[in-house]
């Protein structure tokens, strides 16, 4: 039952993220997620920027994979009454969230330091 609820919630999230591509009368688009195009300082648009981008992308992908496997462990642990597996799954979810926040904070700090160095 838990896996079904997760699958339905994920499908609902995808539908919300897809939204409606039609432009409304006030100029807004129908998508729930706002359009955002980040810009980085000119110094970061070098091989250093490429390395930082790949590192952040791979790190976030691994954090998402860890979170998904953690939720899987929680579901299996609860359904088979293995409390230890469910507890480890909950820890995996928490640590994947912490690692995602850590990557975001580090990325912001690196961008801030490069911006201060060029000013």
PDB file of N, CA and C in Angstrom:
ATOM      1  N   UNK A   1       0.815  -1.188   0.000  1.00  0.00           N
ATOM      2  CA  UNK A   1       0.000   0.000   0.000  1.00  0.00           C
ATOM      3  C   UNK A   1       0.856   1.249   0.000  1.00  0.00           C
ATOM      4  N   UNK A   2       1.967   1.241   0.731  1.00  0.00           N
ATOM      5  CA  UNK A   2       2.833   2.405   0.802  1.00  0.00           C
ATOM      6  C   UNK A   2       3.483   2.688  -0.548  1.00  0.00           C
ATOM      7  N   UNK A   3       3.916   1.648  -1.247  1.00  0.00           N
ATOM      8  CA  UNK A   3       4.546   1.830  -2.543  1.00  0.00           C
ATOM      9  C   UNK A   3       3.549   2.422  -3.531  1.00  0.00           C
ATOM     10  N   UNK A   4       2.313   1.990  -3.472  1.00  0.00           N
ATOM     11  CA  UNK A   4       1.275   2.535  -4.341  1.00  0.00           C
ATOM     12  C   UNK A   4       1.058   4.017  -4.045  1.00  0.00           C
ATOM     13  N   UNK A   5       1.046   4.392  -2.780  1.00  0.00           N
ATOM     14  CA  UNK A   5       0.859   5.797  -2.411  1.00  0.00           C
ATOM     15  C   UNK A   5       2.025   6.648  -2.912  1.00  0.00           C
ATOM     16  N   UNK A   6       3.244   6.126  -2.811  1.00  0.00           N
ATOM     17  CA  UNK A   6       4.413   6.854  -3.304  1.00  0.00           C
ATOM     18  C   UNK A   6       4.333   7.012  -4.813  1.00  0.00           C
ATOM     19  N   UNK A   7       3.942   5.955  -5.517  1.00  0.00           N
ATOM     20  CA  UNK A   7       3.843   6.027  -6.976  1.00  0.00           C
ATOM     21  C   UNK A   7       2.777   7.033  -7.403  1.00  0.00           C
ATOM     22  N   UNK A   8       1.641   7.045  -6.717  1.00  0.00           N
ATOM     23  CA  UNK A   8       0.590   7.997  -7.064  1.00  0.00           C
ATOM     24  C   UNK A   8       1.015   9.425  -6.767  1.00  0.00           C
ATOM     25  N   UNK A   9       1.711   9.639  -5.658  1.00  0.00           N
ATOM     26  CA  UNK A   9       2.185  10.978  -5.323  1.00  0.00           C
ATOM     27  C   UNK A   9       3.217  11.456  -6.343  1.00  0.00           C
ATOM     28  N   UNK A  10       4.079  10.533  -6.797  1.00  0.00           N
ATOM     29  CA  UNK A  10       5.084  10.891  -7.794  1.00  0.00           C
ATOM     30  C   UNK A  10       4.413  11.246  -9.118  1.00  0.00           C
ATOM     31  N   UNK A  11       3.407  10.481  -9.518  1.00  0.00           N
ATOM     32  CA  UNK A  11       2.697  10.778 -10.758  1.00  0.00           C
ATOM     33  C   UNK A  11       1.999  12.130 -10.663  1.00  0.00           C
ATOM     34  N   UNK A  12       1.429  12.437  -9.499  1.00  0.00           N
ATOM     35  CA  UNK A  12       0.759  13.726  -9.308  1.00  0.00           C
ATOM     36  C   UNK A  12       1.770  14.867  -9.381  1.00  0.00           C
ATOM     37  N   UNK A  13       2.956  14.668  -8.818  1.00  0.00           N
ATOM     38  CA  UNK A  13       3.998  15.694  -8.871  1.00  0.00           C
ATOM     39  C   UNK A  13       4.429  15.938 -10.309  1.00  0.00           C
ATOM     40  N   UNK A  14       4.570  14.875 -11.094  1.00  0.00           N
ATOM     41  CA  UNK A  14       4.947  15.041 -12.489  1.00  0.00           C
ATOM     42  C   UNK A  14       3.884  15.805 -13.261  1.00  0.00           C
ATOM     43  N   UNK A  15       2.618  15.529 -12.976  1.00  0.00           N
ATOM     44  CA  UNK A  15       1.550  16.251 -13.664  1.00  0.00           C
ATOM     45  C   UNK A  15       1.559  17.723 -13.279  1.00  0.00           C
ATOM     46  N   UNK A  16       1.821  18.034 -12.007  1.00  0.00           N
ATOM     47  CA  UNK A  16       1.898  19.424 -11.590  1.00  0.00           C
ATOM     48  C   UNK A  16       3.076  20.131 -12.241  1.00  0.00           C
ATOM     49  N   UNK A  17       4.195  19.435 -12.339  1.00  0.00           N
ATOM     50  CA  UNK A  17       5.379  20.056 -12.916  1.00  0.00           C
ATOM     51  C   UNK A  17       5.205  20.291 -14.411  1.00  0.00           C
ATOM     52  N   UNK A  18       4.469  19.414 -15.097  1.00  0.00           N
ATOM     53  CA  UNK A  18       4.272  19.574 -16.532  1.00  0.00           C
ATOM     54  C   UNK A  18       3.414  20.796 -16.802  1.00  0.00           C
ATOM     55  N   UNK A  19       2.342  20.945 -16.068  1.00  0.00           N
ATOM     56  CA  UNK A  19       1.485  22.117 -16.182  1.00  0.00           C
ATOM     57  C   UNK A  19       0.842  22.248 -17.540  1.00  0.00           C
ATOM     58  N   UNK A  20       0.473  23.460 -17.875  1.00  0.00           N
ATOM     59  CA  UNK A  20      -0.185  23.782 -19.118  1.00  0.00           C
ATOM     60  C   UNK A  20       0.707  24.765 -19.856  1.00  0.00           C
ATOM     61  N   UNK A  21       1.043  24.493 -21.102  1.00  0.00           N
ATOM     62  CA  UNK A  21       1.955  25.346 -21.851  1.00  0.00           C
ATOM     63  C   UNK A  21       1.287  26.596 -22.404  1.00  0.00           C
ATOM     64  N   UNK A  22      -0.006  26.757 -22.216  1.00  0.00           N
ATOM     65  CA  UNK A  22      -0.699  27.920 -22.755  1.00  0.00           C
ATOM     66  C   UNK A  22      -0.395  29.148 -21.905  1.00  0.00           C
ATOM     67  N   UNK A  23      -0.271  30.282 -22.568  1.00  0.00           N
ATOM     68  CA  UNK A  23      -0.023  31.534 -21.866  1.00  0.00           C
ATOM     69  C   UNK A  23      -1.356  32.153 -21.473  1.00  0.00           C
ATOM     70  N   UNK A  24      -1.447  32.560 -20.225  1.00  0.00           N
ATOM     71  CA  UNK A  24      -2.676  33.154 -19.727  1.00  0.00           C
ATOM     72  C   UNK A  24      -2.744  34.629 -20.119  1.00  0.00           C
ATOM     73  N   UNK A  25      -3.883  35.270 -19.879  1.00  0.00           N
ATOM     74  CA  UNK A  25      -4.081  36.654 -20.291  1.00  0.00           C
ATOM     75  C   UNK A  25      -3.142  37.625 -19.586  1.00  0.00           C
ATOM     76  N   UNK A  26      -2.670  37.273 -18.370  1.00  0.00           N
ATOM     77  CA  UNK A  26      -1.769  38.175 -17.658  1.00  0.00           C
ATOM     78  C   UNK A  26      -0.292  37.877 -17.951  1.00  0.00           C
ATOM     79  N   UNK A  27      -0.025  37.011 -18.921  1.00  0.00           N
ATOM     80  CA  UNK A  27       1.351  36.736 -19.328  1.00  0.00           C
ATOM     81  C   UNK A  27       1.991  35.568 -18.631  1.00  0.00           C
ATOM     82  N   UNK A  28       1.329  34.973 -17.638  1.00  0.00           N
ATOM     83  CA  UNK A  28       1.886  33.822 -16.933  1.00  0.00           C
ATOM     84  C   UNK A  28       1.683  32.564 -17.759  1.00  0.00           C
ATOM     85  N   UNK A  29       2.565  31.631 -17.601  1.00  0.00           N
ATOM     86  CA  UNK A  29       2.359  30.323 -18.203  1.00  0.00           C
ATOM     87  C   UNK A  29       1.682  29.420 -17.190  1.00  0.00           C
ATOM     88  N   UNK A  30       1.186  28.281 -17.635  1.00  0.00           N
ATOM     89  CA  UNK A  30       0.434  27.397 -16.768  1.00  0.00           C
ATOM     90  C   UNK A  30       1.279  26.502 -15.894  1.00  0.00           C
ATOM     91  N   UNK A  31       2.575  26.491 -16.065  1.00  0.00           N
ATOM     92  CA  UNK A  31       3.423  25.607 -15.292  1.00  0.00           C
ATOM     93  C   UNK A  31       3.485  26.053 -13.831  1.00  0.00           C
ATOM     94  N   UNK A  32       3.486  25.079 -12.927  1.00  0.00           N
ATOM     95  CA  UNK A  32       3.569  25.367 -11.500  1.00  0.00           C
ATOM     96  C   UNK A  32       4.982  25.799 -11.139  1.00  0.00           C
ATOM     97  N   UNK A  33       5.978  25.217 -11.807  1.00  0.00           N
ATOM     98  CA  UNK A  33       7.371  25.539 -11.527  1.00  0.00           C
ATOM     99  C   UNK A  33       7.742  26.774 -12.338  1.00  0.00           C
ATOM    100  N   UNK A  34       8.209  27.841 -11.681  1.00  0.00           N
ATOM    101  CA  UNK A  34       8.531  29.066 -12.422  1.00  0.00           C
ATOM    102  C   UNK A  34       9.770  28.887 -13.279  1.00  0.00           C
ATOM    103  N   UNK A  35       9.835  29.641 -14.362  1.00  0.00           N
ATOM    104  CA  UNK A  35      11.021  29.600 -15.205  1.00  0.00           C
ATOM    105  C   UNK A  35      12.171  30.326 -14.530  1.00  0.00           C
ATOM    106  N   UNK A  36      13.338  29.733 -14.537  1.00  0.00           N
ATOM    107  CA  UNK A  36      14.503  30.324 -13.881  1.00  0.00           C
ATOM    108  C   UNK A  36      15.736  29.936 -14.659  1.00  0.00           C
ATOM    109  N   UNK A  37      16.523  30.901 -15.046  1.00  0.00           N
ATOM    110  CA  UNK A  37      17.781  30.607 -15.727  1.00  0.00           C
ATOM    111  C   UNK A  37      18.913  31.234 -14.914  1.00  0.00           C
ATOM    112  N   UNK A  38      19.655  30.403 -14.175  1.00  0.00           N
ATOM    113  CA  UNK A  38      20.712  30.936 -13.323  1.00  0.00           C
ATOM    114  C   UNK A  38      21.869  31.479 -14.159  1.00  0.00           C
ATOM    115  N   UNK A  39      22.514  32.495 -13.647  1.00  0.00           N
ATOM    116  CA  UNK A  39      23.685  33.033 -14.318  1.00  0.00           C
ATOM    117  C   UNK A  39      24.861  32.977 -13.352  1.00  0.00           C
ATOM    118  N   UNK A  40      26.012  32.703 -13.904  1.00  0.00           N
ATOM    119  CA  UNK A  40      27.219  32.637 -13.083  1.00  0.00           C
ATOM    120  C   UNK A  40      28.198  33.690 -13.567  1.00  0.00           C
ATOM    121  N   UNK A  41      29.106  34.112 -12.712  1.00  0.00           N
ATOM    122  CA  UNK A  41      30.107  35.098 -13.129  1.00  0.00           C
ATOM    123  C   UNK A  41      30.943  34.573 -14.293  1.00  0.00           C
ATOM    124  N   UNK A  42      31.544  35.490 -15.025  1.00  0.00           N
ATOM    125  CA  UNK A  42      32.326  35.099 -16.206  1.00  0.00           C
ATOM    126  C   UNK A  42      33.504  34.199 -15.838  1.00  0.00           C
ATOM    127  N   UNK A  43      34.007  34.343 -14.625  1.00  0.00           N
ATOM    128  CA  UNK A  43      35.136  33.513 -14.196  1.00  0.00           C
ATOM    129  C   UNK A  43      34.729  32.044 -14.106  1.00  0.00           C
ATOM    130  N   UNK A  44      33.468  31.785 -13.750  1.00  0.00           N
ATOM    131  CA  UNK A  44      33.021  30.401 -13.601  1.00  0.00           C
ATOM    132  C   UNK A  44      32.713  29.736 -14.931  1.00  0.00           C
ATOM    133  N   UNK A  45      32.667  30.492 -16.013  1.00  0.00           N
ATOM    134  CA  UNK A  45      32.350  29.906 -17.310  1.00  0.00           C
ATOM    135  C   UNK A  45      33.609  29.397 -17.989  1.00  0.00           C
ATOM    136  N   UNK A  46      34.415  28.692 -17.256  1.00  0.00           N
ATOM    137  CA  UNK A  46      35.690  28.129 -17.696  1.00  0.00           C
ATOM    138  C   UNK A  46      35.691  26.656 -17.314  1.00  0.00           C
ATOM    139  N   UNK A  47      36.804  25.969 -17.491  1.00  0.00           N
ATOM    140  CA  UNK A  47      36.852  24.572 -17.033  1.00  0.00           C
ATOM    141  C   UNK A  47      36.498  24.399 -15.559  1.00  0.00           C
ATOM    142  N   UNK A  48      36.782  25.412 -14.737  1.00  0.00           N
ATOM    143  CA  UNK A  48      36.402  25.328 -13.323  1.00  0.00           C
ATOM    144  C   UNK A  48      34.894  25.222 -13.187  1.00  0.00           C
ATOM    145  N   UNK A  49      34.166  26.015 -13.977  1.00  0.00           N
ATOM    146  CA  UNK A  49      32.704  25.952 -13.961  1.00  0.00           C
ATOM    147  C   UNK A  49      32.194  24.601 -14.409  1.00  0.00           C
ATOM    148  N   UNK A  50      32.847  24.029 -15.404  1.00  0.00           N
ATOM    149  CA  UNK A  50      32.447  22.699 -15.879  1.00  0.00           C
ATOM    150  C   UNK A  50      32.642  21.653 -14.793  1.00  0.00           C
ATOM    151  N   UNK A  51      33.774  21.710 -14.128  1.00  0.00           N
ATOM    152  CA  UNK A  51      34.050  20.752 -13.049  1.00  0.00           C
ATOM    153  C   UNK A  51      33.046  20.924 -11.912  1.00  0.00           C
ATOM    154  N   UNK A  52      32.783  22.176 -11.519  1.00  0.00           N
ATOM    155  CA  UNK A  52      31.819  22.419 -10.444  1.00  0.00           C
ATOM    156  C   UNK A  52      30.421  21.966 -10.848  1.00  0.00           C
ATOM    157  N   UNK A  53      30.056  22.208 -12.098  1.00  0.00           N
ATOM    158  CA  UNK A  53      28.742  21.790 -12.571  1.00  0.00           C
ATOM    159  C   UNK A  53      28.576  20.277 -12.556  1.00  0.00           C
ATOM    160  N   UNK A  54      29.579  19.562 -13.051  1.00  0.00           N
ATOM    161  CA  UNK A  54      29.507  18.100 -13.046  1.00  0.00           C
ATOM    162  C   UNK A  54      29.489  17.552 -11.617  1.00  0.00           C
ATOM    163  N   UNK A  55      30.287  18.139 -10.749  1.00  0.00           N
ATOM    164  CA  UNK A  55      30.322  17.678  -9.357  1.00  0.00           C
ATOM    165  C   UNK A  55      28.976  17.876  -8.680  1.00  0.00           C
ATOM    166  N   UNK A  56      28.388  19.058  -8.859  1.00  0.00           N
ATOM    167  CA  UNK A  56      27.088  19.323  -8.250  1.00  0.00           C
ATOM    168  C   UNK A  56      26.012  18.438  -8.860  1.00  0.00           C
ATOM    169  N   UNK A  57      26.033  18.256 -10.178  1.00  0.00           N
ATOM    170  CA  UNK A  57      25.026  17.418 -10.836  1.00  0.00           C
ATOM    171  C   UNK A  57      25.095  15.970 -10.390  1.00  0.00           C
ATOM    172  N   UNK A  58      26.289  15.418 -10.358  1.00  0.00           N
ATOM    173  CA  UNK A  58      26.456  14.019  -9.928  1.00  0.00           C
ATOM    174  C   UNK A  58      26.095  13.879  -8.451  1.00  0.00           C
ATOM    175  N   UNK A  59      26.510  14.856  -7.632  1.00  0.00           N
ATOM    176  CA  UNK A  59      26.186  14.802  -6.203  1.00  0.00           C
ATOM    177  C   UNK A  59      24.693  14.848  -5.948  1.00  0.00           C
ATOM    178  N   UNK A  60      23.993  15.730  -6.656  1.00  0.00           N
ATOM    179  CA  UNK A  60      22.539  15.796  -6.480  1.00  0.00           C
ATOM    180  C   UNK A  60      21.849  14.540  -7.007  1.00  0.00           C
ATOM    181  N   UNK A  61      22.351  13.991  -8.110  1.00  0.00           N
ATOM    182  CA  UNK A  61      21.769  12.743  -8.630  1.00  0.00           C
ATOM    183  C   UNK A  61      21.936  11.608  -7.616  1.00  0.00           C
ATOM    184  N   UNK A  62      23.105  11.532  -6.993  1.00  0.00           N
ATOM    185  CA  UNK A  62      23.324  10.502  -5.981  1.00  0.00           C
ATOM    186  C   UNK A  62      22.473  10.745  -4.734  1.00  0.00           C
ATOM    187  N   UNK A  63      22.256  12.013  -4.381  1.00  0.00           N
ATOM    188  CA  UNK A  63      21.390  12.312  -3.241  1.00  0.00           C
ATOM    189  C   UNK A  63      19.957  11.876  -3.524  1.00  0.00           C
ATOM    190  N   UNK A  64      19.489  12.129  -4.737  1.00  0.00           N
ATOM    191  CA  UNK A  64      18.136  11.690  -5.106  1.00  0.00           C
ATOM    192  C   UNK A  64      18.050  10.169  -5.117  1.00  0.00           C
ATOM    193  N   UNK A  65      19.057   9.512  -5.667  1.00  0.00           N
ATOM    194  CA  UNK A  65      19.061   8.045  -5.687  1.00  0.00           C
ATOM    195  C   UNK A  65      19.087   7.481  -4.266  1.00  0.00           C
ATOM    196  N   UNK A  66      19.862   8.104  -3.386  1.00  0.00           N
ATOM    197  CA  UNK A  66      19.889   7.664  -1.984  1.00  0.00           C
ATOM    198  C   UNK A  66      18.556   7.859  -1.302  1.00  0.00           C
ATOM    199  N   UNK A  67      17.885   8.978  -1.599  1.00  0.00           N
ATOM    200  CA  UNK A  67      16.560   9.213  -1.023  1.00  0.00           C
ATOM    201  C   UNK A  67      15.540   8.202  -1.505  1.00  0.00           C
ATOM    202  N   UNK A  68      15.572   7.902  -2.814  1.00  0.00           N
ATOM    203  CA  UNK A  68      14.623   6.920  -3.353  1.00  0.00           C
ATOM    204  C   UNK A  68      14.869   5.529  -2.787  1.00  0.00           C
ATOM    205  N   UNK A  69      16.138   5.142  -2.681  1.00  0.00           N
ATOM    206  CA  UNK A  69      16.417   3.821  -2.102  1.00  0.00           C
ATOM    207  C   UNK A  69      16.053   3.800  -0.620  1.00  0.00           C
ATOM    208  N   UNK A  70      16.223   4.931   0.061  1.00  0.00           N
ATOM    209  CA  UNK A  70      15.819   5.008   1.470  1.00  0.00           C
ATOM    210  C   UNK A  70      14.323   4.830   1.628  1.00  0.00           C
ATOM    211  N   UNK A  71      13.533   5.500   0.768  1.00  0.00           N
ATOM    212  CA  UNK A  71      12.080   5.323   0.833  1.00  0.00           C
ATOM    213  C   UNK A  71      11.686   3.885   0.508  1.00  0.00           C
ATOM    214  N   UNK A  72      12.432   3.254  -0.408  1.00  0.00           N
ATOM    215  CA  UNK A  72      12.172   1.844  -0.696  1.00  0.00           C
ATOM    216  C   UNK A  72      12.431   0.967   0.523  1.00  0.00           C
ATOM    217  N   UNK A  73      13.519   1.255   1.229  1.00  0.00           N
ATOM    218  CA  UNK A  73      13.817   0.493   2.452  1.00  0.00           C
ATOM    219  C   UNK A  73      12.753   0.722   3.523  1.00  0.00           C
ATOM    220  N   UNK A  74      12.264   1.959   3.625  1.00  0.00           N
ATOM    221  CA  UNK A  74      11.194   2.242   4.589  1.00  0.00           C
ATOM    222  C   UNK A  74       9.956   1.432   4.248  1.00  0.00           C
ATOM    223  N   UNK A  75       9.581   1.424   2.972  1.00  0.00           N
ATOM    224  CA  UNK A  75       8.380   0.696   2.554  1.00  0.00           C
ATOM    225  C   UNK A  75       8.525  -0.811   2.788  1.00  0.00           C
ATOM    226  N   UNK A  76       9.661  -1.360   2.381  1.00  0.00           N
ATOM    227  CA  UNK A  76       9.872  -2.801   2.563  1.00  0.00           C
ATOM    228  C   UNK A  76       9.949  -3.136   4.048  1.00  0.00           C
ATOM    229  N   UNK A  77      10.635  -2.301   4.828  1.00  0.00           N
ATOM    230  CA  UNK A  77      10.770  -2.559   6.266  1.00  0.00           C
ATOM    231  C   UNK A  77       9.437  -2.529   6.986  1.00  0.00           C
ATOM    232  N   UNK A  78       8.569  -1.578   6.618  1.00  0.00           N
ATOM    233  CA  UNK A  78       7.260  -1.510   7.270  1.00  0.00           C
ATOM    234  C   UNK A  78       6.347  -2.647   6.833  1.00  0.00           C
ATOM    235  N   UNK A  79       6.390  -2.994   5.556  1.00  0.00           N
ATOM    236  CA  UNK A  79       5.495  -4.042   5.057  1.00  0.00           C
ATOM    237  C   UNK A  79       5.897  -5.433   5.508  1.00  0.00           C
ATOM    238  N   UNK A  80       7.187  -5.654   5.767  1.00  0.00           N
ATOM    239  CA  UNK A  80       7.634  -6.973   6.210  1.00  0.00           C
ATOM    240  C   UNK A  80       7.937  -7.008   7.700  1.00  0.00           C
ATOM    241  N   UNK A  81       7.603  -5.919   8.402  1.00  0.00           N
ATOM    242  CA  UNK A  81       7.819  -5.803   9.843  1.00  0.00           C
ATOM    243  C   UNK A  81       9.284  -5.977  10.234  1.00  0.00           C
ATOM    244  N   UNK A  82      10.162  -5.380   9.440  1.00  0.00           N
ATOM    245  CA  UNK A  82      11.589  -5.343   9.768  1.00  0.00           C
ATOM    246  C   UNK A  82      11.908  -3.918  10.198  1.00  0.00           C
ATOM    247  N   UNK A  83      11.818  -3.692  11.471  1.00  0.00           N
ATOM    248  CA  UNK A  83      11.986  -2.330  12.013  1.00  0.00           C
ATOM    249  C   UNK A  83      13.380  -1.782  11.739  1.00  0.00           C
ATOM    250  N   UNK A  84      14.384  -2.654  11.765  1.00  0.00           N
ATOM    251  CA  UNK A  84      15.752  -2.202  11.538  1.00  0.00           C
ATOM    252  C   UNK A  84      15.925  -1.664  10.115  1.00  0.00           C
ATOM    253  N   UNK A  85      15.341  -2.350   9.123  1.00  0.00           N
ATOM    254  CA  UNK A  85      15.434  -1.908   7.736  1.00  0.00           C
ATOM    255  C   UNK A  85      14.695  -0.576   7.540  1.00  0.00           C
ATOM    256  N   UNK A  86      13.534  -0.449   8.161  1.00  0.00           N
ATOM    257  CA  UNK A  86      12.777   0.803   8.058  1.00  0.00           C
ATOM    258  C   UNK A  86      13.536   1.954   8.710  1.00  0.00           C
ATOM    259  N   UNK A  87      14.180   1.706   9.842  1.00  0.00           N
ATOM    260  CA  UNK A  87      14.939   2.755  10.520  1.00  0.00           C
ATOM    261  C   UNK A  87      16.139   3.193   9.681  1.00  0.00           C
ATOM    262  N   UNK A  88      16.818   2.233   9.062  1.00  0.00           N
ATOM    263  CA  UNK A  88      17.946   2.586   8.191  1.00  0.00           C
ATOM    264  C   UNK A  88      17.469   3.353   6.972  1.00  0.00           C
ATOM    265  N   UNK A  89      16.305   2.997   6.456  1.00  0.00           N
ATOM    266  CA  UNK A  89      15.744   3.732   5.323  1.00  0.00           C
ATOM    267  C   UNK A  89      15.426   5.173   5.685  1.00  0.00           C
ATOM    268  N   UNK A  90      14.895   5.378   6.889  1.00  0.00           N
ATOM    269  CA  UNK A  90      14.604   6.746   7.337  1.00  0.00           C
ATOM    270  C   UNK A  90      15.887   7.547   7.492  1.00  0.00           C
ATOM    271  N   UNK A  91      16.939   6.905   7.995  1.00  0.00           N
ATOM    272  CA  UNK A  91      18.227   7.596   8.098  1.00  0.00           C
ATOM    273  C   UNK A  91      18.768   7.949   6.723  1.00  0.00           C
ATOM    274  N   UNK A  92      18.590   7.054   5.761  1.00  0.00           N
ATOM    275  CA  UNK A  92      19.063   7.327   4.397  1.00  0.00           C
ATOM    276  C   UNK A  92      18.342   8.521   3.793  1.00  0.00           C
ATOM    277  N   UNK A  93      17.037   8.628   4.044  1.00  0.00           N
ATOM    278  CA  UNK A  93      16.266   9.760   3.522  1.00  0.00           C
ATOM    279  C   UNK A  93      16.762  11.060   4.150  1.00  0.00           C
ATOM    280  N   UNK A  94      16.966  11.064   5.457  1.00  0.00           N
ATOM    281  CA  UNK A  94      17.427  12.269   6.142  1.00  0.00           C
ATOM    282  C   UNK A  94      18.808  12.681   5.641  1.00  0.00           C
ATOM    283  N   UNK A  95      19.722  11.716   5.501  1.00  0.00           N
ATOM    284  CA  UNK A  95      21.071  12.061   5.062  1.00  0.00           C
ATOM    285  C   UNK A  95      21.103  12.490   3.604  1.00  0.00           C
ATOM    286  N   UNK A  96      20.217  11.957   2.777  1.00  0.00           N
ATOM    287  CA  UNK A  96      20.185  12.414   1.389  1.00  0.00           C
ATOM    288  C   UNK A  96      19.680  13.848   1.312  1.00  0.00           C
ATOM    289  N   UNK A  97      18.730  14.218   2.176  1.00  0.00           N
ATOM    290  CA  UNK A  97      18.281  15.607   2.229  1.00  0.00           C
ATOM    291  C   UNK A  97      19.395  16.526   2.715  1.00  0.00           C
ATOM    292  N   UNK A  98      20.116  16.095   3.740  1.00  0.00           N
ATOM    293  CA  UNK A  98      21.217  16.897   4.268  1.00  0.00           C
ATOM    294  C   UNK A  98      22.311  17.070   3.208  1.00  0.00           C
ATOM    295  N   UNK A  99      22.609  16.019   2.461  1.00  0.00           N
ATOM    296  CA  UNK A  99      23.654  16.137   1.436  1.00  0.00           C
ATOM    297  C   UNK A  99      23.215  17.063   0.308  1.00  0.00           C
ATOM    298  N   UNK A 100      21.934  17.041  -0.059  1.00  0.00           N
ATOM    299  CA  UNK A 100      21.439  17.971  -1.078  1.00  0.00           C
ATOM    300  C   UNK A 100      21.556  19.411  -0.632  1.00  0.00           C
ATOM    301  N   UNK A 101      21.219  19.681   0.622  1.00  0.00           N
ATOM    302  CA  UNK A 101      21.352  21.040   1.168  1.00  0.00           C
ATOM    303  C   UNK A 101      22.825  21.433   1.230  1.00  0.00           C
ATOM    304  N   UNK A 102      23.676  20.511   1.597  1.00  0.00           N
ATOM    305  CA  UNK A 102      25.111  20.793   1.650  1.00  0.00           C
ATOM    306  C   UNK A 102      25.678  21.145   0.289  1.00  0.00           C
ATOM    307  N   UNK A 103      25.247  20.439  -0.748  1.00  0.00           N
ATOM    308  CA  UNK A 103      25.704  20.746  -2.099  1.00  0.00           C
ATOM    309  C   UNK A 103      25.228  22.136  -2.513  1.00  0.00           C
ATOM    310  N   UNK A 104      23.977  22.465  -2.187  1.00  0.00           N
ATOM    311  CA  UNK A 104      23.431  23.776  -2.550  1.00  0.00           C
ATOM    312  C   UNK A 104      24.172  24.900  -1.825  1.00  0.00           C
ATOM    313  N   UNK A 105      24.449  24.716  -0.541  1.00  0.00           N
ATOM    314  CA  UNK A 105      25.151  25.742   0.234  1.00  0.00           C
ATOM    315  C   UNK A 105      26.582  25.907  -0.283  1.00  0.00           C
ATOM    316  N   UNK A 106      27.258  24.813  -0.557  1.00  0.00           N
ATOM    317  CA  UNK A 106      28.625  24.887  -1.061  1.00  0.00           C
ATOM    318  C   UNK A 106      28.671  25.571  -2.415  1.00  0.00           C
ATOM    319  N   UNK A 107      27.726  25.256  -3.282  1.00  0.00           N
ATOM    320  CA  UNK A 107      27.663  25.897  -4.592  1.00  0.00           C
ATOM    321  C   UNK A 107      27.466  27.402  -4.453  1.00  0.00           C
ATOM    322  N   UNK A 108      26.579  27.797  -3.544  1.00  0.00           N
ATOM    323  CA  UNK A 108      26.365  29.225  -3.306  1.00  0.00           C
ATOM    324  C   UNK A 108      27.594  29.916  -2.765  1.00  0.00           C
ATOM    325  N   UNK A 109      28.319  29.248  -1.869  1.00  0.00           N
ATOM    326  CA  UNK A 109      29.541  29.837  -1.306  1.00  0.00           C
ATOM    327  C   UNK A 109      30.622  30.003  -2.371  1.00  0.00           C
ATOM    328  N   UNK A 110      30.786  28.994  -3.228  1.00  0.00           N
ATOM    329  CA  UNK A 110      31.790  29.086  -4.283  1.00  0.00           C
ATOM    330  C   UNK A 110      31.450  30.230  -5.227  1.00  0.00           C
ATOM    331  N   UNK A 111      30.181  30.342  -5.606  1.00  0.00           N
ATOM    332  CA  UNK A 111      29.761  31.431  -6.480  1.00  0.00           C
ATOM    333  C   UNK A 111      29.982  32.786  -5.806  1.00  0.00           C
ATOM    334  N   UNK A 112      29.676  32.885  -4.527  1.00  0.00           N
ATOM    335  CA  UNK A 112      29.879  34.145  -3.805  1.00  0.00           C
ATOM    336  C   UNK A 112      31.365  34.516  -3.737  1.00  0.00           C
ATOM    337  N   UNK A 113      32.239  33.547  -3.483  1.00  0.00           N
ATOM    338  CA  UNK A 113      33.664  33.838  -3.400  1.00  0.00           C
ATOM    339  C   UNK A 113      34.217  34.272  -4.754  1.00  0.00           C
ATOM    340  N   UNK A 114      33.776  33.615  -5.839  1.00  0.00           N
ATOM    341  CA  UNK A 114      34.229  34.032  -7.158  1.00  0.00           C
ATOM    342  C   UNK A 114      33.719  35.437  -7.491  1.00  0.00           C
ATOM    343  N   UNK A 115      32.486  35.744  -7.090  1.00  0.00           N
ATOM    344  CA  UNK A 115      31.928  37.075  -7.341  1.00  0.00           C
ATOM    345  C   UNK A 115      32.707  38.137  -6.570  1.00  0.00           C
ATOM    346  N   UNK A 116      33.046  37.848  -5.310  1.00  0.00           N
ATOM    347  CA  UNK A 116      33.818  38.803  -4.511  1.00  0.00           C
ATOM    348  C   UNK A 116      35.221  38.979  -5.071  1.00  0.00           C
ATOM    349  N   UNK A 117      35.780  37.923  -5.634  1.00  0.00           N
ATOM    350  CA  UNK A 117      37.142  38.013  -6.177  1.00  0.00           C
ATOM    351  C   UNK A 117      37.188  38.861  -7.437  1.00  0.00           C
ATOM    352  N   UNK A 118      36.100  38.881  -8.203  1.00  0.00           N
ATOM    353  CA  UNK A 118      36.095  39.661  -9.444  1.00  0.00           C
ATOM    354  C   UNK A 118      35.679  41.103  -9.216  1.00  0.00           C
ATOM    355  N   UNK A 119      35.105  41.401  -8.051  1.00  0.00           N
ATOM    356  CA  UNK A 119      34.630  42.782  -7.800  1.00  0.00           C
ATOM    357  C   UNK A 119      35.735  43.712  -7.419  1.00  0.00           C
TER     358      UNK A 119
END
